[in-house]
C-alpha atoms as a PDB file:
ATOM      1  CA  MET A   1      82.422 136.490  55.578  1.00  0.00           C
ATOM      2  CA  ALA A   2      83.785 137.308  59.040  1.00  0.00           C
ATOM      3  CA  GLY A   3      87.384 136.626  60.196  1.00  0.00           C
ATOM      4  CA  LEU A   4      88.887 136.340  63.655  1.00  0.00           C
ATOM      5  CA  ARG A   5      90.848 138.985  65.519  1.00  0.00           C
ATOM      6  CA  ALA A   6      92.916 138.296  68.657  1.00  0.00           C
ATOM      7  CA  CYS A   7      92.498 140.545  71.656  1.00  0.00           C
ATOM      8  CA  GLY A   8      94.678 140.142  74.755  1.00  0.00           C
ATOM      9  CA  PHE A   9      93.305 140.115  78.274  1.00  0.00           C
ATOM     10  CA  PRO A  10      95.459 139.815  81.394  1.00  0.00           C
ATOM     11  CA  GLN A  11      95.138 136.535  83.263  1.00  0.00           C
ATOM     12  CA  LEU A  12      94.007 136.543  86.864  1.00  0.00           C
ATOM     13  CA  GLY A  13      96.939 136.792  89.246  1.00  0.00           C
ATOM     14  CA  GLY A  14      99.414 137.625  86.503  1.00  0.00           C
ATOM     15  CA  VAL A  15     100.948 140.936  85.623  1.00  0.00           C
ATOM     16  CA  GLY A  16     101.739 141.534  81.972  1.00  0.00           C
ATOM     17  CA  LYS A  17     100.673 138.061  80.860  1.00  0.00           C
ATOM     18  CA  THR A  18      98.436 137.849  77.838  1.00  0.00           C
ATOM     19  CA  ARG A  19      95.665 135.470  76.852  1.00  0.00           C
ATOM     20  CA  LEU A  20      94.393 135.391  73.289  1.00  0.00           C
ATOM     21  CA  LEU A  21      90.702 135.827  72.617  1.00  0.00           C
ATOM     22  CA  PHE A  22      89.552 135.508  69.035  1.00  0.00           C
ATOM     23  CA  ILE A  23      86.761 137.892  68.117  1.00  0.00           C
ATOM     24  CA  PRO A  24      85.014 137.577  64.747  1.00  0.00           C
ATOM     25  CA  ILE A  25      85.478 140.603  62.487  1.00  0.00           C
ATOM     26  CA  GLY A  26      84.643 141.235  58.895  1.00  0.00           C
ATOM     27  CA  GLY A  27      87.282 141.880  56.278  1.00  0.00           C
ATOM     28  CA  ALA A  28      90.173 140.411  54.360  1.00  0.00           C
ATOM     29  CA  ASP A  29      92.273 139.379  57.383  1.00  0.00           C
ATOM     30  CA  MET A  30      90.336 136.155  57.931  1.00  0.00           C
ATOM     31  CA  GLY A  31      92.306 133.592  59.923  1.00  0.00           C
ATOM     32  CA  VAL A  32      95.052 136.055  60.891  1.00  0.00           C
ATOM     33  CA  SER A  33      95.682 136.594  64.600  1.00  0.00           C
ATOM     34  CA  GLN A  34      97.819 139.061  66.459  1.00  0.00           C
ATOM     35  CA  THR A  35      98.875 139.309  70.081  1.00  0.00           C
ATOM     36  CA  VAL A  36      97.919 142.434  71.978  1.00  0.00           C
ATOM     37  CA  LYS A  37     100.067 143.097  75.069  1.00  0.00           C
ATOM     38  CA  GLU A  38      98.279 144.692  78.006  1.00  0.00           C
ATOM     39  CA  PRO A  39     100.255 147.292  79.985  1.00  0.00           C
ATOM     40  CA  GLU A  40     101.668 146.060  83.278  1.00  0.00           C
ATOM     41  CA  VAL A  41      99.584 147.186  86.219  1.00  0.00           C
ATOM     42  CA  PRO A  42     100.856 146.697  89.775  1.00  0.00           C
ATOM     43  CA  GLY A  43      98.890 144.142  91.781  1.00  0.00           C
ATOM     44  CA  VAL A  44      97.157 144.602  95.093  1.00  0.00           C
ATOM     45  CA  GLY A  45      99.383 142.200  97.133  1.00  0.00           C
ATOM     46  CA  MET A  46     102.395 143.045  99.253  1.00  0.00           C
ATOM     47  CA  ARG A  47     105.735 143.006  97.487  1.00  0.00           C
ATOM     48  CA  GLY A  48     107.922 143.203 100.571  1.00  0.00           C
ATOM     49  CA  GLY A  49     108.958 146.027 102.778  1.00  0.00           C
ATOM     50  CA  LEU A  50     107.246 147.121 105.941  1.00  0.00           C
ATOM     51  CA  GLY A  51     103.937 145.301 105.373  1.00  0.00           C
ATOM     52  CA  ARG A  52     105.537 141.905 104.871  1.00  0.00           C
ATOM     53  CA  THR A  53     107.931 142.470 107.792  1.00  0.00           C
ATOM     54  CA  LEU A  54     105.096 143.394 110.163  1.00  0.00           C
ATOM     55  CA  LEU A  55     102.968 140.478 108.994  1.00  0.00           C
ATOM     56  CA  THR A  56     105.832 138.044 109.540  1.00  0.00           C
ATOM     57  CA  ALA A  57     106.602 139.482 112.983  1.00  0.00           C
ATOM     58  CA  PHE A  58     102.978 139.372 114.137  1.00  0.00           C
ATOM     59  CA  LEU A  59     102.502 135.818 112.836  1.00  0.00           C
ATOM     60  CA  ALA A  60     105.674 134.666 114.594  1.00  0.00           C
ATOM     61  CA  LEU A  61     104.628 136.396 117.827  1.00  0.00           C
ATOM     62  CA  ALA A  62     101.188 134.768 117.656  1.00  0.00           C
ATOM     63  CA  ILE A  63     101.981 131.275 116.377  1.00  0.00           C
ATOM     64  CA  LEU A  64     105.161 130.518 118.342  1.00  0.00           C
ATOM     65  CA  PRO A  65     103.707 130.962 121.867  1.00  0.00           C
ATOM     66  CA  LEU A  66     100.492 129.211 120.823  1.00  0.00           C
ATOM     67  CA  SER A  67     102.504 126.250 119.546  1.00  0.00           C
ATOM     68  CA  ILE A  68     104.566 126.044 122.736  1.00  0.00           C
ATOM     69  CA  VAL A  69     101.491 126.196 124.988  1.00  0.00           C
ATOM     70  CA  SER A  70      99.674 123.612 122.850  1.00  0.00           C
ATOM     71  CA  TRP A  71     102.637 121.234 122.946  1.00  0.00           C
ATOM     72  CA  TYR A  72     102.875 121.579 126.745  1.00  0.00           C
ATOM     73  CA  ALA A  73      99.139 120.993 127.207  1.00  0.00           C
ATOM     74  CA  ILE A  74      99.156 117.915 124.971  1.00  0.00           C
ATOM     75  CA  ASP A  75     102.217 116.507 126.740  1.00  0.00           C
ATOM     76  CA  ARG A  76     100.672 117.017 130.195  1.00  0.00           C
ATOM     77  CA  SER A  77      97.387 115.451 129.071  1.00  0.00           C
ATOM     78  CA  ARG A  78      99.232 112.427 127.694  1.00  0.00           C
ATOM     79  CA  LEU A  79     101.115 111.990 130.980  1.00  0.00           C
ATOM     80  CA  ASN A  80      97.916 112.363 133.041  1.00  0.00           C
ATOM     81  CA  ILE A  81      96.138 109.747 130.924  1.00  0.00           C
ATOM     82  CA  GLN A  82      99.093 107.364 131.285  1.00  0.00           C
ATOM     83  CA  GLU A  83      99.103 107.788 135.074  1.00  0.00           C
ATOM     84  CA  GLU A  84      95.331 107.263 135.280  1.00  0.00           C
ATOM     85  CA  VAL A  85      95.484 104.076 133.198  1.00  0.00           C
ATOM     86  CA  THR A  86      98.418 102.772 135.261  1.00  0.00           C
ATOM     87  CA  ARG A  87      96.492 103.393 138.513  1.00  0.00           C
ATOM     88  CA  LYS A  88      93.388 101.630 137.164  1.00  0.00           C
ATOM     89  CA  LEU A  89      95.402  98.634 135.939  1.00  0.00           C
ATOM     90  CA  ALA A  90      97.192  98.387 139.295  1.00  0.00           C
ATOM     91  CA  SER A  91      93.890  98.362 141.176  1.00  0.00           C
ATOM     92  CA  ILE A  92      92.467  95.728 138.799  1.00  0.00           C
ATOM     93  CA  ALA A  93      95.596  93.605 139.295  1.00  0.00           C
ATOM     94  CA  ALA A  94      95.209  93.868 143.089  1.00  0.00           C
ATOM     95  CA  LEU A  95      91.545  92.838 142.907  1.00  0.00           C
ATOM     96  CA  LYS A  96      92.372  89.874 140.668  1.00  0.00           C
ATOM     97  CA  GLU A  97      95.115  88.819 143.077  1.00  0.00           C
ATOM     98  CA  VAL A  98      92.603  88.800 145.928  1.00  0.00           C
ATOM     99  CA  GLN A  99      90.112  86.824 143.814  1.00  0.00           C
ATOM    100  CA  LEU A 100      92.740  84.213 142.888  1.00  0.00           C
ATOM    101  CA  SER A 101      93.883  83.787 146.488  1.00  0.00           C
ATOM    102  CA  ARG A 102      90.267  83.303 147.639  1.00  0.00           C
ATOM    103  CA  TRP A 103      89.661  80.803 144.824  1.00  0.00           C
ATOM    104  CA  ALA A 104      92.822  78.853 145.732  1.00  0.00           C
ATOM    105  CA  GLU A 105      91.765  78.491 149.398  1.00  0.00           C
END
């Protein structure tokens, strides 16, 4: 009859972490499991230093001016829309005033 043996595999995104996988084997150690530790292998991502510094600097230099220009454009658009609506309402009010004065005569 076959038993189970545990084999460790590193988890995605983790370094040195172990996941148990039970593989059937034959022999007297049925039902016994053991943890196998994988050696730590450095990941692909940046851990700091020059790469992270340059990335942060370039993101700040790109996002900050874009945010300022976007805020200014949105603010100007809002003001222009307000002025346009105010002008239209004023002209409607003037037309209604003329209509009411003609109706009252």
